[in-house]
């Protein structure tokens, strides 16, 4: 039986996280949830990965060496203005961060440690935005329990 190649494709998430353990956890959780994952450990690496393989959504740490998640978001916005981004941070107050980055595709900023169910729902919301903009593929949202 031949399947349509577009229907076989999974949503592509670019995870940008400088902490190796956090990155491995995110990679495992997202892979088990059915996403296709690319990983970068800093902003310049993320730009290179995104140039090779266009993500449907970016999940990026805010504080990283090189340049931070806000600068990464600004740079990605230049080449892909419709790309949705979810930032993560250990900082307590994220309101100013989201306000500063709204014009660059940032959907929200999740506080660490993250609730994994909230992370998955947030990614689905970001992917819904992506699909509304004509990007990505159709997926069913996970069922809340």
C-alpha atoms as a PDB file:
ATOM      1  CA  UNK A   1       0.000   0.000   0.000  1.00  0.00           C
ATOM      2  CA  UNK A   2       1.376   3.421  -0.965  1.00  0.00           C
ATOM      3  CA  UNK A   3       0.761   6.326   1.388  1.00  0.00           C
ATOM      4  CA  UNK A   4       0.745   9.971   0.451  1.00  0.00           C
ATOM      5  CA  UNK A   5       4.172  11.441   1.413  1.00  0.00           C
ATOM      6  CA  UNK A   6       2.673  14.591   2.964  1.00  0.00           C
ATOM      7  CA  UNK A   7       0.405  12.555   5.235  1.00  0.00           C
ATOM      8  CA  UNK A   8       3.390  10.518   6.411  1.00  0.00           C
ATOM      9  CA  UNK A   9       5.368  13.616   7.440  1.00  0.00           C
ATOM     10  CA  UNK A  10       5.428  14.669  11.101  1.00  0.00           C
ATOM     11  CA  UNK A  11       5.573  18.210  12.473  1.00  0.00           C
ATOM     12  CA  UNK A  12       9.157  19.445  12.678  1.00  0.00           C
ATOM     13  CA  UNK A  13      10.254  20.985  15.992  1.00  0.00           C
ATOM     14  CA  UNK A  14      13.607  22.713  16.390  1.00  0.00           C
ATOM     15  CA  UNK A  15      14.685  22.434  20.046  1.00  0.00           C
ATOM     16  CA  UNK A  16      17.314  24.993  21.073  1.00  0.00           C
ATOM     17  CA  UNK A  17      18.683  24.281  24.551  1.00  0.00           C
ATOM     18  CA  UNK A  18      22.217  24.681  25.899  1.00  0.00           C
ATOM     19  CA  UNK A  19      21.694  22.351  28.881  1.00  0.00           C
ATOM     20  CA  UNK A  20      22.408  18.825  27.585  1.00  0.00           C
ATOM     21  CA  UNK A  21      20.203  16.991  30.123  1.00  0.00           C
ATOM     22  CA  UNK A  22      17.238  19.307  29.474  1.00  0.00           C
ATOM     23  CA  UNK A  23      17.769  18.935  25.754  1.00  0.00           C
ATOM     24  CA  UNK A  24      17.799  15.130  25.949  1.00  0.00           C
ATOM     25  CA  UNK A  25      14.602  15.135  28.046  1.00  0.00           C
ATOM     26  CA  UNK A  26      12.823  17.438  25.587  1.00  0.00           C
ATOM     27  CA  UNK A  27      14.016  15.384  22.652  1.00  0.00           C
ATOM     28  CA  UNK A  28      12.694  12.155  24.231  1.00  0.00           C
ATOM     29  CA  UNK A  29       9.338  13.620  25.261  1.00  0.00           C
ATOM     30  CA  UNK A  30       8.700  15.272  21.901  1.00  0.00           C
ATOM     31  CA  UNK A  31       9.795  12.217  19.921  1.00  0.00           C
ATOM     32  CA  UNK A  32       7.451  10.012  21.983  1.00  0.00           C
ATOM     33  CA  UNK A  33       4.654  12.528  21.309  1.00  0.00           C
ATOM     34  CA  UNK A  34       5.165  11.980  17.580  1.00  0.00           C
ATOM     35  CA  UNK A  35       7.199  15.019  16.571  1.00  0.00           C
ATOM     36  CA  UNK A  36      10.224  15.033  14.310  1.00  0.00           C
ATOM     37  CA  UNK A  37      13.045  16.764  16.195  1.00  0.00           C
ATOM     38  CA  UNK A  38      16.116  18.769  15.290  1.00  0.00           C
ATOM     39  CA  UNK A  39      18.397  19.945  18.096  1.00  0.00           C
ATOM     40  CA  UNK A  40      20.746  22.902  18.487  1.00  0.00           C
ATOM     41  CA  UNK A  41      22.648  23.979  21.585  1.00  0.00           C
ATOM     42  CA  UNK A  42      23.030  27.694  20.850  1.00  0.00           C
ATOM     43  CA  UNK A  43      21.696  30.444  18.618  1.00  0.00           C
ATOM     44  CA  UNK A  44      24.213  30.244  15.753  1.00  0.00           C
ATOM     45  CA  UNK A  45      23.804  26.451  15.574  1.00  0.00           C
ATOM     46  CA  UNK A  46      20.002  26.869  15.536  1.00  0.00           C
ATOM     47  CA  UNK A  47      20.197  29.266  12.576  1.00  0.00           C
ATOM     48  CA  UNK A  48      22.313  26.760  10.658  1.00  0.00           C
ATOM     49  CA  UNK A  49      19.937  23.867  11.432  1.00  0.00           C
ATOM     50  CA  UNK A  50      16.869  25.936  10.450  1.00  0.00           C
ATOM     51  CA  UNK A  51      18.537  26.909   7.170  1.00  0.00           C
ATOM     52  CA  UNK A  52      19.037  23.214   6.302  1.00  0.00           C
ATOM     53  CA  UNK A  53      15.652  21.947   7.450  1.00  0.00           C
ATOM     54  CA  UNK A  54      12.787  24.378   7.929  1.00  0.00           C
ATOM     55  CA  UNK A  55      11.048  23.806  11.282  1.00  0.00           C
ATOM     56  CA  UNK A  56       7.290  24.129  11.804  1.00  0.00           C
ATOM     57  CA  UNK A  57       7.890  25.537  15.291  1.00  0.00           C
ATOM     58  CA  UNK A  58      10.907  26.476  17.431  1.00  0.00           C
ATOM     59  CA  UNK A  59      11.206  25.660  21.140  1.00  0.00           C
ATOM     60  CA  UNK A  60      14.084  27.748  22.458  1.00  0.00           C
ATOM     61  CA  UNK A  61      15.694  28.468  25.783  1.00  0.00           C
ATOM     62  CA  UNK A  62      15.863  32.188  26.488  1.00  0.00           C
ATOM     63  CA  UNK A  63      19.271  32.311  28.165  1.00  0.00           C
ATOM     64  CA  UNK A  64      22.063  30.744  26.106  1.00  0.00           C
ATOM     65  CA  UNK A  65      25.688  31.465  25.276  1.00  0.00           C
ATOM     66  CA  UNK A  66      26.439  33.233  22.001  1.00  0.00           C
ATOM     67  CA  UNK A  67      23.188  35.072  21.708  1.00  0.00           C
ATOM     68  CA  UNK A  68      19.966  34.587  23.622  1.00  0.00           C
ATOM     69  CA  UNK A  69      16.596  33.256  22.554  1.00  0.00           C
ATOM     70  CA  UNK A  70      15.244  36.742  21.819  1.00  0.00           C
ATOM     71  CA  UNK A  71      18.097  37.471  19.418  1.00  0.00           C
ATOM     72  CA  UNK A  72      17.606  34.048  17.825  1.00  0.00           C
ATOM     73  CA  UNK A  73      13.917  34.835  17.372  1.00  0.00           C
ATOM     74  CA  UNK A  74      14.707  38.214  15.791  1.00  0.00           C
ATOM     75  CA  UNK A  75      17.187  36.650  13.356  1.00  0.00           C
ATOM     76  CA  UNK A  76      14.853  33.809  12.390  1.00  0.00           C
ATOM     77  CA  UNK A  77      12.055  36.305  11.836  1.00  0.00           C
ATOM     78  CA  UNK A  78      14.094  37.971   9.088  1.00  0.00           C
ATOM     79  CA  UNK A  79      14.140  34.816   6.950  1.00  0.00           C
ATOM     80  CA  UNK A  80      10.875  33.241   8.145  1.00  0.00           C
ATOM     81  CA  UNK A  81       8.481  35.881   9.562  1.00  0.00           C
ATOM     82  CA  UNK A  82       5.622  33.402  10.048  1.00  0.00           C
ATOM     83  CA  UNK A  83       7.633  30.913  12.152  1.00  0.00           C
ATOM     84  CA  UNK A  84       6.049  30.423  15.607  1.00  0.00           C
ATOM     85  CA  UNK A  85       8.441  30.304  18.568  1.00  0.00           C
ATOM     86  CA  UNK A  86       7.934  29.085  22.128  1.00  0.00           C
ATOM     87  CA  UNK A  87      10.556  30.376  24.550  1.00  0.00           C
ATOM     88  CA  UNK A  88      11.509  28.689  27.831  1.00  0.00           C
ATOM     89  CA  UNK A  89      13.222  30.260  30.821  1.00  0.00           C
ATOM     90  CA  UNK A  90      14.104  29.836  34.452  1.00  0.00           C
ATOM     91  CA  UNK A  91      13.255  33.495  35.061  1.00  0.00           C
ATOM     92  CA  UNK A  92      10.152  34.136  37.166  1.00  0.00           C
ATOM     93  CA  UNK A  93       8.621  37.077  35.290  1.00  0.00           C
ATOM     94  CA  UNK A  94       8.069  36.427  31.587  1.00  0.00           C
ATOM     95  CA  UNK A  95       5.533  39.166  30.750  1.00  0.00           C
ATOM     96  CA  UNK A  96       8.136  41.663  29.527  1.00  0.00           C
ATOM     97  CA  UNK A  97       9.897  38.959  27.520  1.00  0.00           C
ATOM     98  CA  UNK A  98       6.761  37.995  25.625  1.00  0.00           C
ATOM     99  CA  UNK A  99       5.831  41.646  25.083  1.00  0.00           C
ATOM    100  CA  UNK A 100       9.299  42.403  23.669  1.00  0.00           C
ATOM    101  CA  UNK A 101       9.160  39.432  21.314  1.00  0.00           C
ATOM    102  CA  UNK A 102       5.512  39.436  20.160  1.00  0.00           C
ATOM    103  CA  UNK A 103       6.401  40.991  16.816  1.00  0.00           C
ATOM    104  CA  UNK A 104       8.869  38.191  16.125  1.00  0.00           C
ATOM    105  CA  UNK A 105       6.523  35.215  16.270  1.00  0.00           C
ATOM    106  CA  UNK A 106       6.823  34.345  19.963  1.00  0.00           C
ATOM    107  CA  UNK A 107       3.671  32.530  21.060  1.00  0.00           C
ATOM    108  CA  UNK A 108       4.530  32.386  24.773  1.00  0.00           C
ATOM    109  CA  UNK A 109       7.342  31.895  27.249  1.00  0.00           C
ATOM    110  CA  UNK A 110       7.115  28.803  29.463  1.00  0.00           C
ATOM    111  CA  UNK A 111       8.734  28.814  32.887  1.00  0.00           C
ATOM    112  CA  UNK A 112      11.166  26.059  33.865  1.00  0.00           C
ATOM    113  CA  UNK A 113      10.756  23.511  35.197  1.00  0.00           C
ATOM    114  CA  UNK A 114       8.068  22.909  32.605  1.00  0.00           C
ATOM    115  CA  UNK A 115       4.917  20.898  33.003  1.00  0.00           C
ATOM    116  CA  UNK A 116       5.242  18.464  30.089  1.00  0.00           C
ATOM    117  CA  UNK A 117       1.489  18.416  29.375  1.00  0.00           C
ATOM    118  CA  UNK A 118       1.519  22.225  29.200  1.00  0.00           C
ATOM    119  CA  UNK A 119       4.528  22.066  26.877  1.00  0.00           C
ATOM    120  CA  UNK A 120       2.766  19.666  24.495  1.00  0.00           C
ATOM    121  CA  UNK A 121      -0.421  21.752  24.467  1.00  0.00           C
ATOM    122  CA  UNK A 122       1.578  24.921  23.867  1.00  0.00           C
ATOM    123  CA  UNK A 123       3.381  23.318  20.932  1.00  0.00           C
ATOM    124  CA  UNK A 124       0.049  22.228  19.463  1.00  0.00           C
ATOM    125  CA  UNK A 125      -1.248  25.801  19.805  1.00  0.00           C
ATOM    126  CA  UNK A 126       1.891  27.091  18.069  1.00  0.00           C
ATOM    127  CA  UNK A 127       1.472  24.500  15.316  1.00  0.00           C
ATOM    128  CA  UNK A 128      -2.178  25.550  14.883  1.00  0.00           C
ATOM    129  CA  UNK A 129      -0.915  29.091  14.320  1.00  0.00           C
ATOM    130  CA  UNK A 130       1.641  27.715  11.890  1.00  0.00           C
ATOM    131  CA  UNK A 131      -1.054  25.851   9.950  1.00  0.00           C
ATOM    132  CA  UNK A 132      -3.289  28.948   9.869  1.00  0.00           C
ATOM    133  CA  UNK A 133      -0.372  30.717   8.209  1.00  0.00           C
ATOM    134  CA  UNK A 134      -0.107  27.931   5.629  1.00  0.00           C
ATOM    135  CA  UNK A 135       2.860  26.174   7.223  1.00  0.00           C
ATOM    136  CA  UNK A 136       3.273  22.641   8.563  1.00  0.00           C
ATOM    137  CA  UNK A 137       0.973  19.641   8.382  1.00  0.00           C
ATOM    138  CA  UNK A 138      -2.322  18.684  10.004  1.00  0.00           C
ATOM    139  CA  UNK A 139      -2.149  16.796  13.329  1.00  0.00           C
ATOM    140  CA  UNK A 140      -4.751  15.966  15.912  1.00  0.00           C
ATOM    141  CA  UNK A 141      -4.270  17.657  19.233  1.00  0.00           C
ATOM    142  CA  UNK A 142      -3.570  15.336  22.184  1.00  0.00           C
ATOM    143  CA  UNK A 143      -6.555  14.503  24.360  1.00  0.00           C
ATOM    144  CA  UNK A 144      -6.643  16.153  27.791  1.00  0.00           C
ATOM    145  CA  UNK A 145      -7.238  13.765  30.663  1.00  0.00           C
END
